N, C-alpha and C. Protein backbone atom coordinates (compact mmCIF):
# COMPACT_ATOMS: atom_id res chain seq x y z
N MET A 1 126.09 105.95 118.75
CA MET A 1 127.41 106.05 119.18
C MET A 1 128.40 106.79 118.22
N LYS A 2 129.14 107.72 118.70
CA LYS A 2 129.99 108.40 117.87
C LYS A 2 131.18 107.69 117.29
N LYS A 3 131.56 108.06 116.14
CA LYS A 3 132.70 107.41 115.51
C LYS A 3 133.99 107.84 116.07
N LEU A 4 134.99 106.94 116.27
CA LEU A 4 136.17 107.19 116.90
C LEU A 4 137.24 107.34 115.56
N LEU A 5 137.90 108.35 115.46
CA LEU A 5 138.89 108.68 114.41
C LEU A 5 140.28 108.48 115.00
N LYS A 6 141.14 107.67 114.51
CA LYS A 6 142.52 107.59 114.98
C LYS A 6 143.41 108.35 114.07
N VAL A 7 143.98 109.58 114.45
CA VAL A 7 144.67 110.38 113.75
C VAL A 7 146.22 110.67 114.27
N VAL A 8 147.04 111.14 113.38
CA VAL A 8 148.30 111.55 113.76
C VAL A 8 148.64 112.98 113.41
N GLY A 9 149.39 113.64 114.20
CA GLY A 9 149.75 115.05 113.94
C GLY A 9 151.27 115.08 114.03
N ALA A 10 151.89 115.90 113.07
CA ALA A 10 153.42 116.04 113.07
C ALA A 10 153.81 117.24 113.72
N ILE A 11 154.88 117.17 114.69
CA ILE A 11 155.51 118.22 115.29
C ILE A 11 156.78 118.31 114.54
N ILE A 12 156.96 119.31 113.66
CA ILE A 12 158.06 119.48 112.81
C ILE A 12 158.79 120.74 113.24
N GLU A 13 160.01 120.52 113.64
CA GLU A 13 160.79 121.74 114.04
C GLU A 13 161.95 122.02 113.15
N ASN A 14 162.18 123.37 113.04
CA ASN A 14 163.27 123.65 112.17
C ASN A 14 164.55 123.96 112.86
N ASP A 15 165.56 124.40 112.15
CA ASP A 15 166.87 124.62 112.85
C ASP A 15 166.86 125.84 113.87
N ASN A 16 165.77 126.65 113.74
CA ASN A 16 165.61 127.87 114.62
C ASN A 16 164.71 127.53 115.93
N ASN A 17 164.46 126.24 116.02
CA ASN A 17 163.60 125.87 117.26
C ASN A 17 162.24 126.38 116.92
N GLU A 18 161.67 126.45 115.74
CA GLU A 18 160.34 126.91 115.54
C GLU A 18 159.61 125.74 115.00
N ILE A 19 158.42 125.60 115.41
CA ILE A 19 157.46 124.53 115.02
C ILE A 19 156.39 124.92 114.02
N LEU A 20 156.22 124.00 113.00
CA LEU A 20 155.37 124.15 111.92
C LEU A 20 153.88 124.18 112.39
N CYS A 21 152.97 125.13 112.16
CA CYS A 21 151.67 125.22 112.55
C CYS A 21 150.85 125.29 111.07
N ALA A 22 149.84 124.71 111.09
CA ALA A 22 149.00 124.64 109.75
C ALA A 22 147.62 125.14 110.08
N LEU A 23 147.10 126.12 109.27
CA LEU A 23 145.79 126.67 109.57
C LEU A 23 144.78 125.75 108.56
N ARG A 24 143.76 125.18 109.11
CA ARG A 24 142.78 124.54 108.45
C ARG A 24 141.96 125.38 107.61
N SER A 25 141.77 124.90 106.24
CA SER A 25 140.97 125.73 105.30
C SER A 25 139.58 125.77 105.66
N PRO A 26 138.91 126.82 105.04
CA PRO A 26 137.47 126.99 105.27
C PRO A 26 136.70 125.79 104.86
N LYS A 27 137.20 124.92 103.94
CA LYS A 27 136.48 123.80 103.42
C LYS A 27 136.55 122.56 104.40
N MET A 28 137.60 122.56 105.25
CA MET A 28 137.76 121.40 106.25
C MET A 28 136.84 121.51 107.29
N THR A 29 136.76 120.35 108.03
CA THR A 29 136.17 120.26 109.41
C THR A 29 136.84 121.10 110.35
N LEU A 30 136.25 121.66 111.11
CA LEU A 30 136.94 122.75 112.12
C LEU A 30 137.71 123.83 111.23
N PRO A 31 137.07 124.56 110.50
CA PRO A 31 137.53 125.48 109.57
C PRO A 31 138.40 126.78 110.26
N ASN A 32 139.45 127.25 109.91
CA ASN A 32 140.12 128.36 110.31
C ASN A 32 140.70 128.02 111.65
N MET A 33 140.95 126.90 112.11
CA MET A 33 141.65 126.59 113.35
C MET A 33 143.06 126.13 113.05
N TRP A 34 143.90 126.23 113.94
CA TRP A 34 145.23 125.70 113.66
C TRP A 34 145.43 124.34 114.15
N GLU A 35 146.27 123.64 113.56
CA GLU A 35 146.64 122.22 113.87
C GLU A 35 147.94 121.91 113.50
N PHE A 36 148.49 120.69 114.12
CA PHE A 36 149.65 120.04 113.65
C PHE A 36 149.26 119.12 112.41
N PRO A 37 149.88 119.40 111.22
CA PRO A 37 149.57 118.70 110.12
C PRO A 37 149.68 117.16 110.22
N GLY A 38 148.72 116.47 109.54
CA GLY A 38 148.67 115.03 109.68
C GLY A 38 147.28 114.57 109.15
N GLY A 39 146.80 113.38 109.77
CA GLY A 39 145.56 112.92 109.31
C GLY A 39 145.21 111.51 109.79
N LYS A 40 144.17 110.90 109.23
CA LYS A 40 143.80 109.57 109.72
C LYS A 40 144.85 108.43 109.38
N VAL A 41 144.93 107.54 110.33
CA VAL A 41 145.65 106.30 110.39
C VAL A 41 144.89 105.37 109.57
N GLU A 42 145.29 104.81 108.59
CA GLU A 42 144.69 103.75 107.64
C GLU A 42 144.87 102.35 108.46
N LYS A 43 143.97 101.45 108.06
CA LYS A 43 143.95 100.09 108.53
C LYS A 43 145.32 99.52 108.23
N LYS A 44 145.90 98.75 109.19
CA LYS A 44 147.18 98.01 109.08
C LYS A 44 148.36 98.92 108.84
N GLU A 45 148.20 100.24 109.30
CA GLU A 45 149.30 101.11 109.15
C GLU A 45 149.78 101.54 110.52
N SER A 46 151.04 101.60 110.57
CA SER A 46 151.69 102.05 111.87
C SER A 46 151.45 103.61 112.12
N LEU A 47 151.61 104.12 113.32
CA LEU A 47 151.61 105.58 113.39
C LEU A 47 152.69 106.30 112.65
N GLY A 48 153.88 105.70 112.69
CA GLY A 48 155.00 106.12 111.97
C GLY A 48 154.78 106.27 110.31
N GLN A 49 154.17 105.05 109.90
CA GLN A 49 153.82 105.13 108.47
C GLN A 49 152.76 105.99 108.04
N ALA A 50 151.86 106.14 109.04
CA ALA A 50 150.76 107.24 108.68
C ALA A 50 151.21 108.63 108.70
N ILE A 51 152.00 108.97 109.60
CA ILE A 51 152.58 110.31 109.64
C ILE A 51 153.40 110.82 108.41
N VAL A 52 154.27 109.69 107.93
CA VAL A 52 155.06 109.95 106.79
C VAL A 52 154.26 110.03 105.65
N ARG A 53 153.20 109.16 105.35
CA ARG A 53 152.31 109.24 104.20
C ARG A 53 151.47 110.56 104.35
N GLU A 54 150.92 110.87 105.40
CA GLU A 54 150.09 112.06 105.52
C GLU A 54 150.93 113.41 105.20
N ILE A 55 152.10 113.49 105.62
CA ILE A 55 152.87 114.72 105.40
C ILE A 55 153.31 114.74 103.94
N GLN A 56 153.58 113.67 103.49
CA GLN A 56 153.95 113.67 101.88
C GLN A 56 152.64 114.10 101.11
N GLU A 57 151.51 113.69 101.53
CA GLU A 57 150.22 114.09 100.84
C GLU A 57 149.99 115.43 100.96
N GLU A 58 149.90 115.98 102.28
CA GLU A 58 149.44 117.36 102.64
C GLU A 58 150.49 118.48 102.37
N LEU A 59 151.81 118.09 102.63
CA LEU A 59 152.81 119.03 102.71
C LEU A 59 153.82 119.00 101.46
N LYS A 60 153.66 117.92 100.73
CA LYS A 60 154.63 117.66 99.66
C LYS A 60 156.03 117.64 100.08
N CYS A 61 156.38 117.07 101.22
CA CYS A 61 157.75 116.87 101.61
C CYS A 61 157.88 115.53 102.43
N SER A 62 159.02 115.07 102.60
CA SER A 62 159.14 113.74 103.38
C SER A 62 159.83 114.10 104.69
N VAL A 63 159.28 113.42 105.73
CA VAL A 63 159.71 113.45 107.07
C VAL A 63 160.12 112.07 107.66
N GLU A 64 160.86 112.12 108.61
CA GLU A 64 161.24 110.89 109.37
C GLU A 64 160.63 111.05 110.74
N ASP A 65 159.88 110.02 111.21
CA ASP A 65 159.32 110.06 112.52
C ASP A 65 160.30 109.67 113.48
N LYS A 66 160.44 110.59 114.55
CA LYS A 66 161.48 110.36 115.57
C LYS A 66 160.91 109.71 116.84
N GLU A 67 159.86 110.36 117.43
CA GLU A 67 159.36 109.89 118.65
C GLU A 67 157.98 110.30 118.83
N ILE A 68 157.13 109.43 119.58
CA ILE A 68 155.80 109.82 119.90
C ILE A 68 155.85 110.92 121.01
N PHE A 69 155.17 111.93 120.79
CA PHE A 69 155.30 113.15 121.88
C PHE A 69 154.03 113.07 122.79
N TYR A 70 152.81 112.95 122.32
CA TYR A 70 151.65 112.88 123.19
C TYR A 70 150.50 112.22 122.50
N ASP A 71 149.57 111.63 123.27
CA ASP A 71 148.46 110.88 122.90
C ASP A 71 147.34 111.48 123.55
N ASN A 72 146.31 111.91 122.90
CA ASN A 72 145.21 112.61 123.51
C ASN A 72 143.79 112.27 122.86
N THR A 73 142.86 112.09 123.61
CA THR A 73 141.50 111.84 123.06
C THR A 73 140.49 112.97 123.28
N HIS A 74 139.94 113.55 122.24
CA HIS A 74 139.03 114.78 122.42
C HIS A 74 137.54 114.38 121.89
N ASP A 75 136.59 114.57 122.59
CA ASP A 75 135.29 114.30 122.32
C ASP A 75 134.53 115.56 121.72
N TYR A 76 134.43 115.51 120.34
CA TYR A 76 133.85 116.52 119.51
C TYR A 76 132.32 116.40 119.56
N GLU A 77 131.50 117.15 119.12
CA GLU A 77 130.11 117.09 119.06
C GLU A 77 129.65 115.90 118.27
N LYS A 78 130.28 115.60 117.13
CA LYS A 78 129.70 114.68 116.29
C LYS A 78 130.72 113.39 116.23
N PHE A 79 131.93 113.46 116.64
CA PHE A 79 132.84 112.36 116.61
C PHE A 79 133.84 112.41 117.60
N ILE A 80 134.72 111.42 117.91
CA ILE A 80 135.75 111.36 118.89
C ILE A 80 137.02 111.29 118.08
N VAL A 81 138.00 112.11 118.48
CA VAL A 81 139.47 112.01 117.87
C VAL A 81 140.50 111.49 118.96
N ASN A 82 141.10 110.45 118.46
CA ASN A 82 142.33 110.05 119.38
C ASN A 82 143.51 110.62 118.45
N LEU A 83 144.20 111.68 118.92
CA LEU A 83 145.32 112.19 118.22
C LEU A 83 146.63 111.86 118.94
N THR A 84 147.64 111.25 118.18
CA THR A 84 148.88 110.94 118.70
C THR A 84 149.75 112.00 117.83
N THR A 85 150.45 112.94 118.67
CA THR A 85 151.52 113.75 117.92
C THR A 85 152.84 113.14 118.01
N ILE A 86 153.54 113.22 116.88
CA ILE A 86 154.85 112.71 116.66
C ILE A 86 155.71 113.76 116.25
N LYS A 87 156.86 113.66 117.00
CA LYS A 87 157.99 114.62 116.59
C LYS A 87 158.62 114.12 115.24
N CYS A 88 158.85 115.02 114.47
CA CYS A 88 159.37 114.59 112.96
C CYS A 88 160.41 115.47 112.70
N LYS A 89 161.22 115.04 111.59
CA LYS A 89 162.40 115.75 111.08
C LYS A 89 162.21 115.84 109.53
N ILE A 90 162.25 116.93 108.92
CA ILE A 90 162.19 116.94 107.57
C ILE A 90 163.37 116.31 106.92
N LYS A 91 163.31 115.23 106.01
CA LYS A 91 164.32 114.62 105.37
C LYS A 91 164.54 115.31 104.00
N GLU A 92 163.47 115.73 103.29
CA GLU A 92 163.63 116.24 102.00
C GLU A 92 162.53 117.21 101.60
N GLY A 93 162.76 118.22 100.88
CA GLY A 93 161.63 119.24 100.50
C GLY A 93 161.48 120.26 101.57
N THR A 94 160.48 121.09 101.14
CA THR A 94 159.94 122.26 102.01
C THR A 94 158.49 122.07 102.04
N PRO A 95 157.85 122.12 103.43
CA PRO A 95 156.41 122.00 103.52
C PRO A 95 155.74 123.19 102.80
N THR A 96 154.60 122.77 101.97
CA THR A 96 153.88 123.75 101.24
C THR A 96 152.45 123.34 101.54
N ALA A 97 151.65 124.53 101.69
CA ALA A 97 150.17 124.55 102.07
C ALA A 97 149.45 124.16 100.78
N ASN A 98 149.12 122.81 100.69
CA ASN A 98 148.26 122.35 99.57
C ASN A 98 146.83 122.20 99.97
N GLU A 99 146.56 121.68 101.20
CA GLU A 99 145.29 121.40 101.65
C GLU A 99 144.88 122.49 102.66
N HIS A 100 145.84 123.07 103.40
CA HIS A 100 145.75 124.16 104.29
C HIS A 100 145.76 125.50 103.80
N SER A 101 145.12 126.54 104.58
CA SER A 101 145.16 127.92 104.10
C SER A 101 146.56 128.56 104.28
N LYS A 102 147.24 128.03 105.19
CA LYS A 102 148.50 128.68 105.55
C LYS A 102 149.41 127.79 106.40
N LEU A 103 150.54 127.98 106.31
CA LEU A 103 151.67 127.32 107.33
C LEU A 103 152.46 128.42 107.77
N ILE A 104 152.81 128.45 109.12
CA ILE A 104 153.72 129.34 109.59
C ILE A 104 154.61 128.54 110.67
N TRP A 105 155.85 129.17 110.92
CA TRP A 105 156.76 128.53 111.89
C TRP A 105 156.66 129.48 113.01
N LEU A 106 156.47 128.88 114.52
CA LEU A 106 156.45 129.66 115.57
C LEU A 106 157.36 129.04 116.58
N LYS A 107 157.94 130.05 117.56
CA LYS A 107 158.58 129.53 118.57
C LYS A 107 157.65 128.89 119.69
N ARG A 108 158.01 128.00 120.48
CA ARG A 108 157.29 127.45 121.43
C ARG A 108 156.39 128.48 122.37
N GLU A 109 157.03 129.45 122.73
CA GLU A 109 156.45 130.45 123.56
C GLU A 109 155.24 131.23 123.04
N ASN A 110 155.21 131.16 121.56
CA ASN A 110 154.20 131.87 120.76
C ASN A 110 153.08 130.96 120.31
N LEU A 111 153.22 129.71 120.62
CA LEU A 111 152.22 128.76 120.10
C LEU A 111 150.71 129.04 120.65
N LYS A 112 150.74 129.36 121.94
CA LYS A 112 149.28 129.64 122.50
C LYS A 112 148.67 130.83 121.94
N SER A 113 149.24 131.68 121.10
CA SER A 113 148.66 132.86 120.56
C SER A 113 147.69 132.49 119.35
N LEU A 114 147.68 131.24 118.94
CA LEU A 114 146.81 130.84 117.83
C LEU A 114 145.64 130.15 118.41
N HIS A 115 144.50 130.18 117.64
CA HIS A 115 143.32 129.61 117.86
C HIS A 115 143.35 128.04 117.33
N TRP A 116 143.74 127.12 118.27
CA TRP A 116 144.05 125.68 117.83
C TRP A 116 142.82 124.82 117.99
N ALA A 117 142.79 123.82 117.04
CA ALA A 117 141.65 122.92 117.14
C ALA A 117 141.73 122.23 118.60
N PRO A 118 140.75 122.01 119.26
CA PRO A 118 140.60 121.43 120.61
C PRO A 118 141.48 120.30 120.89
N ALA A 119 141.45 119.30 119.99
CA ALA A 119 142.37 118.06 120.15
C ALA A 119 143.77 118.31 120.18
N ASP A 120 144.26 119.60 119.51
CA ASP A 120 145.67 119.80 119.48
C ASP A 120 146.04 120.61 120.77
N VAL A 121 145.18 121.21 121.42
CA VAL A 121 145.52 122.13 122.63
C VAL A 121 146.41 121.48 123.73
N PRO A 122 146.15 120.27 124.16
CA PRO A 122 147.18 119.60 125.07
C PRO A 122 148.50 119.49 124.72
N THR A 123 148.68 119.18 123.23
CA THR A 123 150.02 119.09 122.83
C THR A 123 150.68 120.53 122.80
N VAL A 124 149.91 121.64 122.51
CA VAL A 124 150.37 122.91 122.38
C VAL A 124 150.87 123.23 123.97
N GLU A 125 150.00 123.00 124.81
CA GLU A 125 150.35 123.24 126.32
C GLU A 125 151.89 122.56 126.61
N ARG A 126 151.96 121.23 126.28
CA ARG A 126 153.16 120.48 126.51
C ARG A 126 154.42 121.21 125.83
N LEU A 127 154.13 121.53 124.66
CA LEU A 127 155.23 122.05 123.83
C LEU A 127 155.73 123.49 124.36
N ALA A 128 154.67 124.18 124.77
CA ALA A 128 155.04 125.56 125.25
C ALA A 128 155.77 125.42 126.62
N ASN A 129 155.66 124.36 127.41
CA ASN A 129 156.27 124.15 128.57
C ASN A 129 157.50 123.33 128.56
N GLU A 130 157.81 122.84 127.29
CA GLU A 130 158.92 122.00 127.14
C GLU A 130 160.28 122.81 127.11
N LYS A 131 161.23 122.25 127.90
CA LYS A 131 162.62 122.92 127.84
C LYS A 131 163.40 122.21 126.66
N VAL A 132 163.97 123.11 125.96
CA VAL A 132 164.68 122.73 124.67
C VAL A 132 166.06 123.03 124.95
């Protein structure tokens, strides 16, 4: 039986209505694919606690979790990912690519131009169609 991974991804939007996109490094699983930054939910940790911790670890900035945006489960070849994306606001600092190869800000209408990790695609579709 495949392992189920419970993960969170941050939808971080700036004042120009652009969304932060993170390129997975060649050393990561699913290398060179784009994702919403985040990671695994630890035992006894809420989704909000997990996203705040993961963004601090990965991007060296602090965020406030605002609302759950979408919950999606994707069956990969070797594992299953349950990804909950959460809209977040930067409280302090500037996101920096420490684990990722690159970070970029994109308008909703341009999100589909990137090669996204499969679990992130449904969130991308919803964001691209969202009225702001």
